[in-house]
Each structure stands twice: as structure tokens, then as C-alpha cells.
């Protein structure tokens, strides 16, 4: 029996309310952890194939924005809920194709499923592994689909099999990941299309000293207990009539397939699968009901749609810009200031050796991409001379939507 009366998501957001990490990071870390707690025992039957609730989630943001703080906090609950590594394997650190294959085979012997959860608080460590071992990239692409059986080719020429695959992932990285990935065609690969990138360029939450929630211990105990209950689920999800009609109408509408960056086309083609995976996870966080309604479809779509403008901005400004490192430095500098940053202060942070022409080009790229905004204003708090100044462009806050009357709450 579940203990989180308002549902897992709402309870987890209450537990993390006083933390400085952006709310989006907590929401999607929760998604990743519930995905990891679930298994192949849960699926959505698409008649010709099945969709499983495993997801690859990567939190993207500048240094110091508390990405890994958010991911580690969620993963800590997962470890406490499933302390036996033989049955619920959590992999961290450097990874190779052979090691992952061995770990999955060990998990299969213990549970009957090749189930592993990859936690990469430094996602560049993982991407470095895929660059050195191109078979790992291919393997991870195939694992996302949770095949009943996957043939793994050994370097010696032999073949071994991995059965009943279930792999999920939660990672963290700066936008520099996309710069490096662009050089190695990582973004253009099918693997990137299987990832949910969660970009936050600026943290609006400022908590100088987190408050101690008097109910924190009880909340944590309830969350751990309910993760264990989620791990026991064996459900075949399906739409009710409203959910089925909603999906048909949405899928046949071509508007959502229009993207501003062609590198997102792979993700867009898999968006329905991402959507189905997410709705299963939302339902698991609420209880044991496998029926998905139009309302739940619409909310999962809103969660995905909210991420796409940020994804497109980062792809445009980082992945394709020859000033990628300079662009990243500008984003980092502006992200760590709560207000406007004057031109002179920005130049000081970037260093005297950086050509002013390159800085202006990078600023124009960021402004045209909608990442930053510029104005003429005073150089200091108390006035000063008029100068050009910049800041990260603020997006309309939707934080209240996650914590109020939404489908993330049990009704």
C-alpha cells in the first residue's frame, strides 16, 4: 500500500522544496528514478511492439547550478529502496561495452532481467567512453528499446547474448557536452535522439541556507517505501477512450514535427515513444492504475514541450558555433549573476586575450538565438555611466504548475 498520499512526485518535490537546484532538475530526476525502479514487468502494448518505461535523462546547465546535487539526491533514495546491487544494479564512473554487457548478464542471472541503471553525474565521462568505444554508443541505442534478446559482439569475434534488456540513465553535464559531441557527431547520432535533455541556463532559486523540513525523515521513508512498491508493479498500460482519441488526434497533426534545428529530427520522430514512456512513469508515481487518460497524455506532452525551446537554443548556439568555448564562457558568466552584467564586467571575466570582435560575434549569436537579452543601462547598482549590458533571457516561470493541481498529484 502506498504511503505518499499525494503521489510520489508531489511528495518528492515537497522534500526538495528548500534545495537550490532548479525545480526542473528535481522533476526529471524523479522521472529517472521512478523509471529505474520500474522494470520490464510494466509495458505499453503497441500491438506490433511494446514500449517500456525506461528513460535516458540528462540534466544540462552551467557549472555551479547544482545539477549533480539534484541527481544524487534522487539516486540516494533509489539506493536505499533497493540496497541489493545484484537485483538493482546502479553503475557509475567509466563504462565500456564489455563491462556493461557483463553487468547486465549478472543482473539477468539474479532477476531474470538485464536491468541496470546508469548514473553519470559527470556525463562527459560517459560520452568519453562512447567516443573511445563506438560499439557502446550502438549498444545504448538498442538498449533503449528494451529488446527481448540482444546479440553483443565481442572483440575476439565471438557473440554473447543479453536477454530481457532494461537500461535507464540519469546524467548531468554543462552545455560543453554538446560542443564536444558536435565534433564527434554525437548530437547527430541516434543515441542523442533517445535522450531527454533538461536544459536550465539560469537558476532562479536562491537559497543561502536550506531550511530543515521537520517532516523530512517521514517524507523520505514514505518515498523509499513507495519506490519499493513501484518496483513490484507488473502492469500493461493502455489508453482509455479519451486517451486513445487524444493520441490519434495529436499524432496525425503534423505541426509538432516542425523543428528549428534539423538535429532534433531524430528526437521528434521518437517523440511519441518518449511520451508513452513518460505517461507510464507518471501513472506509476500516482498508483497502480494502468489506464492512461487524455489529461495524462496532455500533461506528459506539456512536460516534453517545455524542454524543446531550450534544447533548440543550446543546439544552435553550442553545437554549430565555431565560437563554442567562448559562447559557453559567456553563458557561465551571465548565469552566475542575478541581474544585468555590464559590457566591461563581461570583458573582464572573459580575459584580455579574447578578441573583442569574437566576443561581440558570440553575443550576437546568443541574442539572435533567444538565449540572452541586451539593453543600454547603467553600469553599476547606484547608477554610473550608460553602457551595453546583458543577461540570460528569463522564461515565464511555471514552477507552480508542478506543485499545485496537476496530474502529478493523486486525486
Protein backbone atom coordinates (compact mmCIF):
# COMPACT_ATOMS: atom_id res chain seq x y z
CA UNK A 1 0.00 0.00 0.00
CA UNK A 2 1.32 3.43 -0.96
CA UNK A 3 2.21 5.94 1.74
CA UNK A 4 2.66 9.09 -0.37
CA UNK A 5 -0.97 10.18 -0.31
CA UNK A 6 -0.38 13.00 -2.82
CA UNK A 7 1.68 10.77 -5.10
CA UNK A 8 5.42 10.22 -5.43
CA UNK A 9 6.20 13.34 -7.46
CA UNK A 10 4.38 15.81 -5.20
CA UNK A 11 5.93 14.24 -2.09
CA UNK A 12 9.42 14.33 -3.58
CA UNK A 13 9.06 17.99 -4.57
CA UNK A 14 7.97 18.76 -1.01
CA UNK A 15 11.10 17.01 0.31
CA UNK A 16 13.37 19.01 -2.02
CA UNK A 17 11.48 22.31 -1.71
CA UNK A 18 14.24 24.13 0.20
CA UNK A 19 17.08 22.96 -2.07
CA UNK A 20 18.61 25.43 -4.51
CA UNK A 21 18.67 23.10 -7.51
CA UNK A 22 16.23 24.21 -10.23
CA UNK A 23 12.78 22.66 -9.96
CA UNK A 24 13.05 21.13 -13.44
CA UNK A 25 16.07 19.14 -12.29
CA UNK A 26 14.14 17.69 -9.35
CA UNK A 27 11.14 16.83 -11.54
CA UNK A 28 13.22 14.99 -14.14
CA UNK A 29 15.48 13.33 -11.56
CA UNK A 30 12.27 11.96 -10.07
CA UNK A 31 11.20 10.76 -13.53
CA UNK A 32 14.54 8.98 -13.98
CA UNK A 33 14.44 7.34 -10.55
CA UNK A 34 10.89 6.03 -10.97
CA UNK A 35 11.91 4.76 -14.41
CA UNK A 36 14.84 2.94 -12.78
CA UNK A 37 12.61 1.46 -10.07
CA UNK A 38 10.22 0.04 -12.70
CA UNK A 39 11.08 -2.91 -14.90
CA UNK A 40 10.10 -4.89 -17.98
CA UNK A 41 7.14 -6.13 -15.94
CA UNK A 42 5.48 -2.86 -16.99
CA UNK A 43 4.88 -2.02 -20.63
CA UNK A 44 2.54 -0.44 -23.16
CA UNK A 45 1.41 -2.77 -25.93
CA UNK A 46 1.50 -1.02 -29.32
CA UNK A 47 0.27 -4.29 -30.93
CA UNK A 48 3.30 -4.79 -33.14
CA UNK A 49 5.81 -3.87 -30.44
CA UNK A 50 5.97 -2.97 -26.77
CA UNK A 51 7.14 0.26 -25.14
CA UNK A 52 8.84 0.01 -21.74
CA UNK A 53 9.17 2.82 -19.15
CA UNK A 54 12.97 3.10 -19.20
CA UNK A 55 14.30 6.58 -20.00
CA UNK A 56 17.60 8.35 -20.67
CA UNK A 57 17.59 11.76 -18.93
CA UNK A 58 20.46 14.28 -18.96
CA UNK A 59 20.38 17.49 -16.92
CA UNK A 60 22.13 20.32 -18.82
CA UNK A 61 23.29 23.58 -17.27
CA UNK A 62 26.31 25.77 -16.48
CA UNK A 63 28.73 24.94 -13.70
CA UNK A 64 27.54 25.66 -10.17
CA UNK A 65 23.83 25.26 -10.91
CA UNK A 66 23.52 22.12 -8.71
CA UNK A 67 22.81 19.54 -11.40
CA UNK A 68 24.59 16.68 -9.65
CA UNK A 69 23.12 17.78 -6.30
CA UNK A 70 19.65 17.14 -7.70
CA UNK A 71 20.53 13.84 -9.37
CA UNK A 72 22.44 12.45 -6.37
CA UNK A 73 19.61 13.30 -4.01
CA UNK A 74 17.14 11.29 -6.08
CA UNK A 75 19.55 8.40 -6.64
CA UNK A 76 20.19 8.23 -2.88
CA UNK A 77 16.55 7.29 -2.37
CA UNK A 78 16.83 4.65 -5.09
CA UNK A 79 19.85 3.09 -3.36
CA UNK A 80 18.01 2.98 -0.04
CA UNK A 81 14.93 1.47 -1.63
CA UNK A 82 16.91 -1.25 -3.40
CA UNK A 83 20.11 -1.91 -1.40
CA UNK A 84 20.89 -5.25 -3.08
CA UNK A 85 23.14 -4.41 -6.07
CA UNK A 86 22.63 -7.88 -7.52
CA UNK A 87 18.94 -7.13 -8.07
CA UNK A 88 19.08 -3.41 -8.77
CA UNK A 89 22.45 -2.51 -10.22
CA UNK A 90 23.49 1.16 -10.29
CA UNK A 91 26.53 1.85 -12.46
CA UNK A 92 28.68 4.97 -12.06
CA UNK A 93 32.04 6.04 -13.44
CA UNK A 94 33.73 4.99 -16.66
CA UNK A 95 31.90 2.44 -18.73
CA UNK A 96 32.77 0.12 -21.58
CA UNK A 97 30.61 -2.07 -23.75
CA UNK A 98 32.06 -5.34 -22.35
CA UNK A 99 31.67 -4.18 -18.75
CA UNK A 100 28.07 -3.16 -19.32
CA UNK A 101 27.36 -6.49 -21.00
CA UNK A 102 28.84 -8.41 -18.05
CA UNK A 103 26.87 -6.34 -15.55
CA UNK A 104 23.65 -6.92 -17.47
CA UNK A 105 24.26 -10.66 -17.64
CA UNK A 106 24.89 -10.72 -13.88
CA UNK A 107 21.61 -8.85 -13.32
CA UNK A 108 19.80 -11.36 -15.55
CA UNK A 109 21.10 -14.30 -13.51
CA UNK A 110 19.83 -12.64 -10.31
CA UNK A 111 16.45 -11.36 -11.51
CA UNK A 112 15.62 -12.73 -14.96
CA UNK A 113 16.05 -9.25 -16.43
CA UNK A 114 19.18 -7.49 -17.71
CA UNK A 115 18.25 -4.43 -15.68
CA UNK A 116 20.79 -1.69 -14.90
CA UNK A 117 20.61 2.00 -14.06
CA UNK A 118 23.47 4.23 -15.21
CA UNK A 119 24.05 7.30 -13.04
CA UNK A 120 26.51 9.71 -14.66
CA UNK A 121 26.81 12.90 -12.56
CA UNK A 122 29.68 13.78 -14.90
CA UNK A 123 28.14 12.80 -18.20
CA UNK A 124 31.28 13.71 -20.13
CA UNK A 125 32.91 10.64 -18.52
CA UNK A 126 30.20 8.54 -20.15
CA UNK A 127 30.42 10.30 -23.53
CA UNK A 128 34.21 9.89 -23.48
CA UNK A 129 33.58 6.16 -23.14
CA UNK A 130 31.29 6.15 -26.18
CA UNK A 131 33.89 8.08 -28.20
CA UNK A 132 36.58 5.51 -27.38
CA UNK A 133 34.23 2.57 -27.84
CA UNK A 134 31.82 3.20 -30.70
CA UNK A 135 30.10 -0.13 -30.05
CA UNK A 136 28.91 1.22 -26.68
CA UNK A 137 27.03 4.02 -28.47
CA UNK A 138 25.35 1.48 -30.73
CA UNK A 139 24.55 -0.78 -27.79
CA UNK A 140 22.96 2.03 -25.77
CA UNK A 141 20.80 2.96 -28.77
CA UNK A 142 19.48 -0.60 -28.93
CA UNK A 143 19.09 -0.97 -25.17
CA UNK A 144 16.66 1.99 -25.13
CA UNK A 145 14.16 -0.22 -26.97
CA UNK A 146 14.50 -2.99 -24.34
CA UNK A 147 14.89 -5.91 -26.78
CA UNK A 148 13.95 -9.40 -25.61
CA UNK A 149 17.37 -10.54 -26.77
CA UNK A 150 20.36 -8.56 -27.98
CA UNK A 151 23.47 -10.02 -29.58
CA UNK A 152 26.67 -8.44 -28.30
CA UNK A 153 29.73 -8.93 -30.50
CA UNK A 154 32.94 -9.45 -28.57
CA UNK A 155 36.24 -8.00 -29.76
CA UNK A 156 37.53 -11.56 -30.04
CA UNK A 157 34.95 -12.18 -32.73
CA UNK A 158 32.56 -14.19 -30.61
CA UNK A 159 28.95 -13.38 -29.82
CA UNK A 160 27.16 -13.34 -26.50
CA UNK A 161 23.54 -12.51 -25.83
CA UNK A 162 21.86 -10.14 -23.40
CA UNK A 163 18.30 -11.15 -22.55
CA UNK A 164 15.29 -9.15 -21.32
CA UNK A 165 17.05 -5.78 -21.53
CA UNK A 166 16.03 -2.84 -19.32
CA UNK A 167 18.52 0.05 -19.17
CA UNK A 168 17.81 3.54 -17.80
CA UNK A 169 20.11 6.53 -17.36
CA UNK A 170 20.41 9.82 -15.47
CA UNK A 171 23.32 12.13 -16.29
CA UNK A 172 24.49 15.72 -15.76
CA UNK A 173 26.60 17.96 -17.97
CA UNK A 174 27.39 21.51 -18.97
CA UNK A 175 26.45 22.66 -22.49
CA UNK A 176 30.09 21.97 -23.41
CA UNK A 177 28.95 18.38 -23.78
CA UNK A 178 27.08 19.43 -26.89
CA UNK A 179 30.10 21.29 -28.23
CA UNK A 180 32.34 18.23 -27.86
CA UNK A 181 29.58 15.96 -29.06
CA UNK A 182 29.08 18.07 -32.15
CA UNK A 183 32.69 17.45 -33.13
CA UNK A 184 32.20 13.68 -32.84
CA UNK A 185 28.74 13.60 -34.45
CA UNK A 186 27.29 12.65 -31.06
CA UNK A 187 24.35 15.03 -31.42
CA UNK A 188 23.56 13.73 -34.90
CA UNK A 189 23.59 10.11 -33.75
CA UNK A 190 20.55 8.05 -32.99
CA UNK A 191 21.66 7.84 -29.36
CA UNK A 192 21.15 11.55 -28.79
CA UNK A 193 17.60 11.27 -30.13
CA UNK A 194 16.83 8.82 -27.33
CA UNK A 195 17.89 11.26 -24.61
CA UNK A 196 15.64 13.73 -22.82
CA UNK A 197 17.84 16.80 -22.36
CA UNK A 198 16.72 19.03 -19.48
CA UNK A 199 18.37 22.43 -20.09
CA UNK A 200 18.39 25.19 -17.48
CA UNK A 201 20.65 28.15 -18.30
CA UNK A 202 19.96 30.17 -15.17
CA UNK A 203 18.78 29.19 -11.71
CA UNK A 204 16.07 31.49 -10.39
CA UNK A 205 16.08 29.77 -7.00
CA UNK A 206 18.39 31.33 -4.42
CA UNK A 207 18.64 29.54 -1.08
CA UNK A 208 21.52 30.83 1.03
CA UNK A 209 20.90 28.21 3.71
CA UNK A 210 18.37 25.40 3.18
CA UNK A 211 15.71 25.09 5.82
CA UNK A 212 15.33 21.81 7.67
CA UNK A 213 11.94 20.32 6.90
CA UNK A 214 10.61 18.89 10.20
CA UNK A 215 8.85 16.20 8.20
CA UNK A 216 11.91 15.31 6.10
CA UNK A 217 12.56 11.92 7.71
CA UNK A 218 8.94 10.84 7.35
CA UNK A 219 8.78 12.08 3.76
CA UNK A 220 11.97 10.21 2.88
CA UNK A 221 10.74 7.00 4.49
CA UNK A 222 7.46 7.23 2.59
CA UNK A 223 9.25 7.87 -0.72
CA UNK A 224 11.59 4.91 -0.20
CA UNK A 225 8.67 2.64 0.70
CA UNK A 226 6.72 3.70 -2.38
CA UNK A 227 9.73 3.22 -4.66
CA UNK A 228 9.78 -0.37 -3.44
CA UNK A 229 6.08 -0.67 -4.25
CA UNK A 230 6.71 0.80 -7.71
CA UNK A 231 9.41 -1.82 -8.21
CA UNK A 232 6.78 -4.54 -7.69
CA UNK A 233 4.44 -3.25 -10.40
CA UNK A 234 3.54 -5.68 -13.18
CA UNK A 235 1.13 -3.75 -15.39
CA UNK A 236 0.21 -3.49 -19.05
CA UNK A 237 -0.69 0.14 -19.60
CA UNK A 238 -3.26 1.28 -22.12
CA UNK A 239 -5.31 4.34 -23.06
CA UNK A 240 -8.95 4.73 -22.20
CA UNK A 241 -11.21 6.04 -24.99
CA UNK A 242 -10.27 9.65 -24.25
CA UNK A 243 -6.56 8.85 -24.16
CA UNK A 244 -6.72 6.87 -27.39
CA UNK A 245 -8.59 9.63 -29.23
CA UNK A 246 -6.20 12.26 -27.85
CA UNK A 247 -3.16 10.31 -29.09
CA UNK A 248 -4.70 9.73 -32.52
CA UNK A 249 -5.50 13.43 -32.94
CA UNK A 250 -2.08 14.55 -31.75
CA UNK A 251 -0.10 12.01 -33.76
CA UNK A 252 -1.88 12.78 -37.02
CA UNK A 253 -1.26 16.51 -36.61
CA UNK A 254 1.93 17.46 -38.45
CA UNK A 255 2.57 20.75 -36.62
CA UNK A 256 4.62 19.25 -33.77
CA UNK A 257 7.03 17.70 -36.27
CA UNK A 258 8.22 21.18 -37.34
CA UNK A 259 11.62 21.93 -35.75
CA UNK A 260 14.04 24.85 -35.98
CA UNK A 261 17.13 22.63 -35.93
CA UNK A 262 17.39 19.52 -38.11
CA UNK A 263 19.50 17.81 -35.45
CA UNK A 264 16.32 17.45 -33.39
CA UNK A 265 14.54 15.44 -36.11
CA UNK A 266 15.67 12.11 -34.65
CA UNK A 267 14.19 13.06 -31.29
CA UNK A 268 10.97 14.30 -32.90
CA UNK A 269 10.50 11.01 -34.76
CA UNK A 270 10.69 9.21 -31.39
CA UNK A 271 8.61 11.74 -29.50
CA UNK A 272 5.54 9.51 -29.33
CA UNK A 273 7.64 6.79 -27.69
CA UNK A 274 9.11 9.31 -25.24
CA UNK A 275 5.56 10.42 -24.49
CA UNK A 276 4.30 6.89 -23.82
CA UNK A 277 7.29 6.14 -21.58
CA UNK A 278 6.66 9.31 -19.60
CA UNK A 279 2.94 8.68 -19.14
CA UNK A 280 3.68 5.22 -17.72
CA UNK A 281 6.13 6.77 -15.25
CA UNK A 282 3.62 9.45 -14.24
CA UNK A 283 0.98 6.77 -13.65
CA UNK A 284 3.41 4.65 -11.61
CA UNK A 285 4.16 7.67 -9.43
CA UNK A 286 0.46 8.05 -8.71
CA UNK A 287 -0.53 4.45 -8.04
CA UNK A 288 -1.38 1.09 -9.59
CA UNK A 289 -3.89 2.20 -12.22
CA UNK A 290 -2.66 1.25 -15.73
CA UNK A 291 -5.27 3.27 -17.65
CA UNK A 292 -3.94 6.48 -19.23
CA UNK A 293 -6.37 9.32 -19.88
CA UNK A 294 -6.31 12.25 -22.29
CA UNK A 295 -5.47 14.53 -19.35
CA UNK A 296 -2.36 12.50 -18.51
CA UNK A 297 -1.27 12.40 -22.16
CA UNK A 298 -1.64 16.17 -22.37
CA UNK A 299 0.35 16.79 -19.21
CA UNK A 300 3.21 14.50 -20.28
CA UNK A 301 3.28 16.32 -23.62
CA UNK A 302 3.48 19.65 -21.81
CA UNK A 303 6.47 18.39 -19.83
CA UNK A 304 8.26 17.42 -23.03
CA UNK A 305 7.24 20.54 -24.97
CA UNK A 306 8.58 22.78 -22.24
CA UNK A 307 12.07 21.38 -22.76
CA UNK A 308 12.25 21.72 -26.54
CA UNK A 309 12.87 25.50 -26.88
CA UNK A 310 15.83 25.23 -24.51
CA UNK A 311 17.14 22.20 -26.36
CA UNK A 312 16.95 24.01 -29.68
CA UNK A 313 18.71 27.10 -28.31
CA UNK A 314 21.60 25.08 -26.94
CA UNK A 315 21.96 23.03 -30.15
CA UNK A 316 22.00 26.19 -32.27
CA UNK A 317 24.46 28.17 -30.16
CA UNK A 318 26.81 25.43 -28.99
CA UNK A 319 26.78 22.52 -31.37
CA UNK A 320 27.18 24.55 -34.55
CA UNK A 321 29.10 27.64 -33.44
CA UNK A 322 32.80 27.95 -34.10
CA UNK A 323 32.90 30.18 -31.03
CA UNK A 324 31.57 27.33 -28.88
CA UNK A 325 34.02 27.68 -25.98
CA UNK A 326 33.58 31.45 -25.88
CA UNK A 327 29.79 31.07 -26.01
CA UNK A 328 29.97 28.66 -23.08
CA UNK A 329 32.07 31.11 -21.04
CA UNK A 330 29.56 33.89 -21.68
CA UNK A 331 26.65 31.66 -20.60
CA UNK A 332 28.53 30.64 -17.44
CA UNK A 333 29.35 34.26 -16.58
CA UNK A 334 25.80 35.56 -17.10
CA UNK A 335 24.24 32.56 -15.33
CA UNK A 336 26.08 33.35 -12.13
CA UNK A 337 24.75 36.92 -11.97
CA UNK A 338 21.20 37.55 -10.82
CA UNK A 339 20.91 40.85 -12.73
CA UNK A 340 22.31 42.63 -15.76
CA UNK A 341 26.05 42.32 -16.46
CA UNK A 342 27.74 45.34 -18.00
CA UNK A 343 29.94 45.05 -21.05
CA UNK A 344 33.07 45.97 -19.10
CA UNK A 345 32.42 43.37 -16.38
CA UNK A 346 31.79 40.73 -19.02
CA UNK A 347 35.04 41.56 -20.83
CA UNK A 348 36.91 41.32 -17.53
CA UNK A 349 35.56 37.83 -16.88
CA UNK A 350 36.42 36.66 -20.38
CA UNK A 351 40.02 37.87 -20.18
CA UNK A 352 42.07 40.43 -22.07
CA UNK A 353 43.34 37.89 -24.62
CA UNK A 354 39.87 37.28 -26.03
CA UNK A 355 39.37 39.48 -29.13
CA UNK A 356 36.51 41.95 -28.71
CA UNK A 357 35.31 41.12 -32.21
CA UNK A 358 34.86 37.45 -31.25
CA UNK A 359 33.01 38.42 -28.06
CA UNK A 360 30.58 40.61 -30.00
CA UNK A 361 30.00 37.83 -32.56
CA UNK A 362 29.29 35.33 -29.79
CA UNK A 363 26.93 37.77 -28.06
CA UNK A 364 25.05 38.36 -31.29
CA UNK A 365 24.74 34.60 -31.80
CA UNK A 366 23.31 34.14 -28.30
CA UNK A 367 20.95 37.09 -28.63
CA UNK A 368 19.61 36.01 -32.01
CA UNK A 369 19.12 32.50 -30.63
CA UNK A 370 17.00 33.87 -27.80
CA UNK A 371 19.38 32.72 -25.07
CA UNK A 372 20.31 36.19 -23.79
CA UNK A 373 18.89 39.71 -23.98
CA UNK A 374 20.66 43.06 -24.17
CA UNK A 375 19.87 46.66 -23.26
CA UNK A 376 21.57 50.00 -22.66
CA UNK A 377 21.64 50.76 -18.95
CA UNK A 378 23.73 51.99 -16.05
CA UNK A 379 26.95 50.12 -15.32
CA UNK A 380 26.51 49.92 -11.53
CA UNK A 381 23.83 49.42 -8.89
CA UNK A 382 23.78 53.07 -7.93
CA UNK A 383 23.90 54.46 -11.43
CA UNK A 384 27.13 55.06 -13.32
CA UNK A 385 27.68 55.62 -17.00
CA UNK A 386 25.37 54.19 -19.62
CA UNK A 387 26.69 51.03 -21.25
CA UNK A 388 25.57 47.94 -23.08
CA UNK A 389 24.67 45.15 -20.67
CA UNK A 390 23.44 41.57 -20.91
CA UNK A 391 21.64 38.82 -19.01
CA UNK A 392 20.22 35.34 -19.56
CA UNK A 393 16.76 35.71 -21.04
CA UNK A 394 14.20 34.81 -18.43
CA UNK A 395 11.49 32.33 -19.36
CA UNK A 396 7.99 32.51 -17.87
CA UNK A 397 8.03 30.60 -14.61
CA UNK A 398 5.85 27.51 -14.45
CA UNK A 399 7.12 26.21 -11.13
CA UNK A 400 3.68 26.42 -9.55
CA UNK A 401 2.30 24.05 -12.17
CA UNK A 402 4.32 21.13 -10.84
CA UNK A 403 3.34 21.66 -7.24
CA UNK A 404 -0.36 22.50 -7.47
CA UNK A 405 -3.34 20.76 -9.07
CA UNK A 406 -1.64 18.74 -11.77
CA UNK A 407 -1.72 15.15 -12.89
CA UNK A 408 1.46 14.60 -10.85
CA UNK A 409 -0.77 14.68 -7.77
CA UNK A 410 -3.00 11.79 -6.79
CA UNK A 411 -6.60 13.00 -6.92
